[in-house]
């Protein structure tokens, strides 16, 4: 089999070599390319590949359609909305993801954003550096706040555990809820109305695109703290920015957007007050990258043995 990796997995060269050597020892060909968004170059690199390995780089349908030998797309990422899934299914190409590798990484960033916003760390840091004093920048404790988790799967469930550890009451909404310790599952509207802090953990699909729009925000408590480390298009950025300017939303921590960073300088959330913005890093930690590599190479081994795991298609 010819296996082609078209972007870095974020692990050391030595670690990657340890996986590749095993594959080559079994007679497989393995080629690694640095990330390149040019579809023409991708087609040239993949034209005779049996297996494509990719992380979160957008994969154009034309690339997949041009790869006549392609049999397996091994996605080193949890979400697969950047992959032309319908086309892969139509062409009989198997697709697996790396679900589970970043549960702790994402949940911990959500906690970090929440604590930073509540304690006004972005405001007091430059103030202190400029020789100022606290003045009226009084923060809030996380303890005893009501936290709404939209999407109570593996990552949402882990975030719920962490919020519980801080003494929060946790509400959950999920179309297919699974019982979780110390999580009260409620209807979406009730979660919006009762939560002091709302954190998104649902996948991007037709039913969640634009889920957090002007109407949804109007149902939230005045002064709510909002966190999105899920998928950008779940939230209407203009509506959220407007709510931040008006004070309806007191503060927001945002890691994902309608497009992958770099963002245009006039993006509404870059110019909204009381907002921490990050360039899609929730999944990105040394530990999560190593877990991800283990998952995707285990998944590849299983597929090569005729036993697909982490199956999407």
Protein backbone atom coordinates (compact mmCIF):
# COMPACT_ATOMS: atom_id res chain seq x y z
CA UNK A 1 0.00 0.00 0.00
CA UNK A 2 1.13 3.55 -0.70
CA UNK A 3 0.37 5.73 2.32
CA UNK A 4 0.66 9.52 1.98
CA UNK A 5 0.58 11.97 4.90
CA UNK A 6 -0.02 15.49 3.59
CA UNK A 7 0.45 17.57 6.75
CA UNK A 8 2.33 17.35 10.02
CA UNK A 9 0.86 15.39 12.92
CA UNK A 10 2.63 17.66 15.40
CA UNK A 11 4.96 14.98 16.76
CA UNK A 12 8.75 14.70 16.70
CA UNK A 13 10.57 13.29 13.70
CA UNK A 14 11.78 10.43 15.92
CA UNK A 15 8.24 9.58 17.00
CA UNK A 16 6.95 9.67 13.43
CA UNK A 17 9.84 7.47 12.30
CA UNK A 18 8.97 4.85 14.91
CA UNK A 19 5.52 4.45 13.33
CA UNK A 20 6.74 4.67 9.74
CA UNK A 21 9.50 2.10 10.21
CA UNK A 22 6.93 -0.49 11.29
CA UNK A 23 4.84 0.17 8.18
CA UNK A 24 7.84 -0.01 5.87
CA UNK A 25 8.91 -3.19 7.61
CA UNK A 26 5.63 -4.73 6.49
CA UNK A 27 6.28 -3.71 2.89
CA UNK A 28 4.20 -0.52 2.74
CA UNK A 29 5.39 2.72 1.15
CA UNK A 30 5.07 5.85 3.30
CA UNK A 31 5.56 9.43 2.07
CA UNK A 32 5.24 12.60 4.16
CA UNK A 33 4.64 16.09 2.75
CA UNK A 34 4.44 19.39 4.56
CA UNK A 35 1.07 21.15 4.42
CA UNK A 36 0.24 22.82 1.11
CA UNK A 37 -3.26 24.16 0.38
CA UNK A 38 -2.76 24.10 -3.39
CA UNK A 39 -5.23 21.52 -4.75
CA UNK A 40 -3.08 20.87 -7.82
CA UNK A 41 -0.10 19.92 -5.67
CA UNK A 42 -2.28 17.73 -3.48
CA UNK A 43 -3.61 15.87 -6.53
CA UNK A 44 -0.06 15.30 -7.80
CA UNK A 45 1.06 14.01 -4.40
CA UNK A 46 -1.93 11.70 -4.01
CA UNK A 47 -2.48 10.52 -7.58
CA UNK A 48 -1.43 6.93 -6.86
CA UNK A 49 -2.01 6.80 -3.10
CA UNK A 50 -4.02 4.00 -1.50
CA UNK A 51 -4.24 5.77 1.86
CA UNK A 52 -4.45 9.49 2.62
CA UNK A 53 -3.56 10.69 6.11
CA UNK A 54 -4.67 14.23 6.95
CA UNK A 55 -5.36 16.34 10.04
CA UNK A 56 -7.54 19.48 9.89
CA UNK A 57 -6.45 20.88 6.53
CA UNK A 58 -9.46 21.40 4.21
CA UNK A 59 -9.67 18.66 1.59
CA UNK A 60 -11.30 19.72 -1.67
CA UNK A 61 -13.72 17.30 -3.32
CA UNK A 62 -11.80 17.66 -6.60
CA UNK A 63 -8.73 16.22 -4.91
CA UNK A 64 -10.60 13.14 -3.72
CA UNK A 65 -12.34 12.76 -7.07
CA UNK A 66 -8.98 12.77 -8.85
CA UNK A 67 -7.45 10.03 -6.70
CA UNK A 68 -8.53 6.88 -8.50
CA UNK A 69 -6.62 4.46 -6.25
CA UNK A 70 -7.65 6.02 -2.93
CA UNK A 71 -9.24 3.49 -0.56
CA UNK A 72 -8.92 5.02 2.91
CA UNK A 73 -8.88 8.55 4.36
CA UNK A 74 -7.39 8.46 7.85
CA UNK A 75 -8.31 11.76 9.56
CA UNK A 76 -6.12 12.83 12.47
CA UNK A 77 -8.87 15.01 13.88
CA UNK A 78 -12.19 14.60 15.68
CA UNK A 79 -14.38 16.67 13.33
CA UNK A 80 -14.63 15.64 9.68
CA UNK A 81 -16.55 18.63 8.28
CA UNK A 82 -13.41 19.54 6.27
CA UNK A 83 -13.58 16.22 4.40
CA UNK A 84 -15.97 15.56 1.44
CA UNK A 85 -17.69 12.70 3.26
CA UNK A 86 -20.57 12.25 0.78
CA UNK A 87 -18.14 11.92 -2.11
CA UNK A 88 -15.97 9.45 -0.20
CA UNK A 89 -19.04 7.34 0.51
CA UNK A 90 -20.10 7.53 -3.14
CA UNK A 91 -16.64 6.38 -4.28
CA UNK A 92 -16.44 3.60 -1.68
CA UNK A 93 -13.56 5.24 0.23
CA UNK A 94 -13.42 4.36 3.92
CA UNK A 95 -13.02 7.27 6.36
CA UNK A 96 -11.98 7.09 10.02
CA UNK A 97 -11.30 9.87 12.51
CA UNK A 98 -9.23 10.19 15.69
CA UNK A 99 -12.04 10.80 18.14
CA UNK A 100 -10.95 11.07 21.76
CA UNK A 101 -7.41 12.34 21.39
CA UNK A 102 -8.12 15.90 22.58
CA UNK A 103 -10.86 15.45 25.19
CA UNK A 104 -8.67 16.71 28.02
CA UNK A 105 -6.92 19.36 25.94
CA UNK A 106 -10.17 21.00 24.77
CA UNK A 107 -11.91 20.75 28.14
CA UNK A 108 -8.92 22.29 29.92
CA UNK A 109 -8.76 25.23 27.50
CA UNK A 110 -12.47 25.85 28.11
CA UNK A 111 -11.78 26.00 31.85
CA UNK A 112 -8.82 28.29 31.24
CA UNK A 113 -10.84 30.69 29.10
CA UNK A 114 -13.69 30.72 31.61
CA UNK A 115 -11.45 31.46 34.58
CA UNK A 116 -9.52 34.12 32.66
CA UNK A 117 -12.73 35.89 31.66
CA UNK A 118 -14.30 35.70 35.11
CA UNK A 119 -11.17 37.05 36.83
CA UNK A 120 -10.57 39.66 34.08
CA UNK A 121 -7.01 38.49 33.47
CA UNK A 122 -6.80 40.01 29.95
CA UNK A 123 -7.65 43.43 31.41
CA UNK A 124 -5.44 43.35 34.51
CA UNK A 125 -2.29 42.10 32.77
CA UNK A 126 -1.66 45.20 30.60
CA UNK A 127 -2.92 47.42 33.43
CA UNK A 128 -0.28 46.02 35.79
CA UNK A 129 2.46 46.32 33.16
CA UNK A 130 1.54 49.97 32.71
CA UNK A 131 1.94 50.64 36.45
CA UNK A 132 -1.77 50.66 37.20
CA UNK A 133 -3.84 49.26 40.08
CA UNK A 134 -6.99 47.16 40.08
CA UNK A 135 -9.47 50.04 40.30
CA UNK A 136 -12.96 48.73 39.60
CA UNK A 137 -11.86 45.56 37.77
CA UNK A 138 -13.45 43.15 40.23
CA UNK A 139 -13.80 39.59 39.02
CA UNK A 140 -16.10 36.71 39.87
CA UNK A 141 -15.60 33.24 41.31
CA UNK A 142 -16.48 30.16 39.28
CA UNK A 143 -17.79 28.29 42.32
CA UNK A 144 -21.61 27.93 42.44
CA UNK A 145 -22.11 29.26 38.93
CA UNK A 146 -24.54 27.43 36.65
CA UNK A 147 -22.75 26.11 33.57
CA UNK A 148 -24.62 24.99 30.47
CA UNK A 149 -22.89 22.42 28.27
CA UNK A 150 -24.36 22.17 24.76
CA UNK A 151 -23.28 18.77 23.50
CA UNK A 152 -22.55 16.29 26.28
CA UNK A 153 -20.41 13.79 24.38
CA UNK A 154 -16.87 12.88 25.35
CA UNK A 155 -15.44 16.42 25.36
CA UNK A 156 -18.55 18.04 26.82
CA UNK A 157 -18.65 15.33 29.47
CA UNK A 158 -15.03 15.98 30.41
CA UNK A 159 -15.68 19.72 30.61
CA UNK A 160 -18.66 18.97 32.88
CA UNK A 161 -16.36 16.98 35.20
CA UNK A 162 -13.96 19.89 35.48
CA UNK A 163 -16.70 22.43 36.12
CA UNK A 164 -18.16 20.11 38.76
CA UNK A 165 -14.76 20.00 40.46
CA UNK A 166 -14.97 23.79 40.84
CA UNK A 167 -18.33 23.53 42.58
CA UNK A 168 -20.55 24.47 39.64
CA UNK A 169 -24.06 23.28 38.89
CA UNK A 170 -23.91 21.78 35.40
CA UNK A 171 -26.78 21.68 32.93
CA UNK A 172 -26.53 19.65 29.76
CA UNK A 173 -28.31 19.64 26.44
CA UNK A 174 -27.85 16.92 23.85
CA UNK A 175 -30.28 15.47 21.29
CA UNK A 176 -29.20 11.98 22.42
CA UNK A 177 -28.32 12.49 26.08
CA UNK A 178 -26.31 9.94 28.03
CA UNK A 179 -26.56 10.03 31.81
CA UNK A 180 -23.56 11.79 33.32
CA UNK A 181 -22.71 12.23 37.01
CA UNK A 182 -23.84 15.59 38.41
CA UNK A 183 -25.23 16.81 35.08
CA UNK A 184 -28.89 17.83 34.81
CA UNK A 185 -30.11 17.32 31.24
CA UNK A 186 -32.61 20.00 30.21
CA UNK A 187 -34.21 21.39 27.07
CA UNK A 188 -32.15 23.84 25.03
CA UNK A 189 -34.25 26.88 25.94
CA UNK A 190 -34.04 26.08 29.64
CA UNK A 191 -30.26 25.76 29.43
CA UNK A 192 -30.00 29.14 27.70
CA UNK A 193 -32.24 30.80 30.28
CA UNK A 194 -30.60 29.36 33.42
CA UNK A 195 -26.87 29.30 32.63
CA UNK A 196 -24.34 31.84 33.89
CA UNK A 197 -21.74 30.28 31.58
CA UNK A 198 -22.45 28.48 28.29
CA UNK A 199 -19.91 26.26 26.54
CA UNK A 200 -20.37 24.66 23.12
CA UNK A 201 -19.25 21.07 22.55
CA UNK A 202 -21.45 19.89 19.67
CA UNK A 203 -20.31 18.84 16.18
CA UNK A 204 -20.98 20.91 13.07
CA UNK A 205 -23.87 19.47 11.07
CA UNK A 206 -26.97 20.82 9.37
CA UNK A 207 -28.91 20.85 12.65
CA UNK A 208 -26.23 22.83 14.53
CA UNK A 209 -25.12 25.31 11.86
CA UNK A 210 -26.16 28.76 13.13
CA UNK A 211 -27.56 27.21 16.32
CA UNK A 212 -26.40 30.18 18.39
CA UNK A 213 -28.06 33.04 16.53
CA UNK A 214 -29.68 36.29 17.60
CA UNK A 215 -32.81 34.49 18.78
CA UNK A 216 -30.84 32.01 20.90
CA UNK A 217 -28.73 34.79 22.42
CA UNK A 218 -31.89 36.74 23.33
CA UNK A 219 -32.93 33.80 25.55
CA UNK A 220 -29.66 33.83 27.52
CA UNK A 221 -29.24 35.50 30.89
CA UNK A 222 -28.04 39.08 30.80
CA UNK A 223 -24.32 39.04 31.50
CA UNK A 224 -23.72 35.43 30.44
CA UNK A 225 -20.18 34.22 29.70
CA UNK A 226 -19.98 32.34 26.39
CA UNK A 227 -17.31 29.86 25.27
CA UNK A 228 -16.91 28.25 21.85
CA UNK A 229 -14.17 25.67 21.35
CA UNK A 230 -16.34 23.44 19.15
CA UNK A 231 -16.93 24.66 15.57
CA UNK A 232 -17.14 28.25 14.33
CA UNK A 233 -20.22 28.04 12.08
CA UNK A 234 -22.36 26.89 15.02
CA UNK A 235 -22.34 30.53 16.11
CA UNK A 236 -23.40 33.58 14.11
CA UNK A 237 -20.42 35.83 14.79
CA UNK A 238 -22.21 39.09 13.99
CA UNK A 239 -24.97 38.28 16.47
CA UNK A 240 -22.47 37.36 19.20
CA UNK A 241 -20.38 40.48 18.58
CA UNK A 242 -23.50 42.63 18.79
CA UNK A 243 -24.41 41.00 22.12
CA UNK A 244 -20.89 41.64 23.44
CA UNK A 245 -21.08 45.31 22.47
CA UNK A 246 -24.48 45.70 24.14
CA UNK A 247 -23.45 43.82 27.30
CA UNK A 248 -26.06 41.10 26.86
CA UNK A 249 -23.08 38.73 26.74
CA UNK A 250 -20.59 39.88 29.37
CA UNK A 251 -17.58 38.09 27.94
CA UNK A 252 -16.65 35.42 25.41
CA UNK A 253 -13.81 32.98 24.85
CA UNK A 254 -13.60 31.97 21.19
CA UNK A 255 -11.25 29.43 19.61
CA UNK A 256 -13.06 28.67 16.34
CA UNK A 257 -14.56 30.74 13.52
CA UNK A 258 -16.34 30.42 10.18
CA UNK A 259 -12.90 30.11 8.58
CA UNK A 260 -9.58 28.88 9.88
CA UNK A 261 -7.23 31.63 11.11
CA UNK A 262 -5.64 33.90 10.04
CA UNK A 263 -8.77 36.01 10.33
CA UNK A 264 -9.45 39.26 8.48
CA UNK A 265 -8.75 42.28 10.66
CA UNK A 266 -12.39 43.37 10.41
CA UNK A 267 -13.78 40.09 11.75
CA UNK A 268 -16.56 41.09 14.20
CA UNK A 269 -15.21 39.04 17.10
CA UNK A 270 -11.74 40.58 16.84
CA UNK A 271 -13.30 43.96 17.51
CA UNK A 272 -15.79 42.95 20.22
CA UNK A 273 -15.13 43.91 23.85
CA UNK A 274 -14.36 41.51 26.71
CA UNK A 275 -13.33 38.74 24.37
CA UNK A 276 -10.42 36.31 24.38
CA UNK A 277 -9.72 35.00 20.90
CA UNK A 278 -7.43 32.07 20.10
CA UNK A 279 -6.35 30.70 16.69
CA UNK A 280 -7.98 27.24 16.99
CA UNK A 281 -5.67 25.75 19.62
CA UNK A 282 -8.06 23.89 21.94
CA UNK A 283 -7.04 20.50 20.57
CA UNK A 284 -3.35 21.41 20.47
CA UNK A 285 -1.13 20.18 23.29
CA UNK A 286 1.99 18.04 23.35
CA UNK A 287 0.07 15.27 25.06
CA UNK A 288 -2.90 15.38 22.67
CA UNK A 289 -0.64 15.28 19.61
CA UNK A 290 1.03 12.13 20.88
CA UNK A 291 -2.35 10.54 21.65
CA UNK A 292 -3.56 11.51 18.18
CA UNK A 293 -0.62 9.92 16.43
CA UNK A 294 -1.12 6.70 18.39
CA UNK A 295 -4.82 6.64 17.46
CA UNK A 296 -4.33 7.29 13.74
CA UNK A 297 -1.53 4.76 13.30
CA UNK A 298 -3.47 2.17 15.29
CA UNK A 299 -6.46 2.96 13.08
CA UNK A 300 -4.29 2.51 9.98
CA UNK A 301 -2.98 -0.83 11.24
CA UNK A 302 -6.52 -2.02 11.89
CA UNK A 303 -7.71 -0.97 8.42
CA UNK A 304 -4.74 -2.67 6.78
CA UNK A 305 -5.78 -5.84 8.63
CA UNK A 306 -9.34 -5.50 7.34
CA UNK A 307 -10.84 -4.22 10.60
CA UNK A 308 -11.80 -0.55 10.33
CA UNK A 309 -12.12 1.33 13.64
CA UNK A 310 -13.24 4.90 14.42
CA UNK A 311 -15.43 4.53 11.38
CA UNK A 312 -17.11 7.55 9.77
CA UNK A 313 -17.73 5.90 6.37
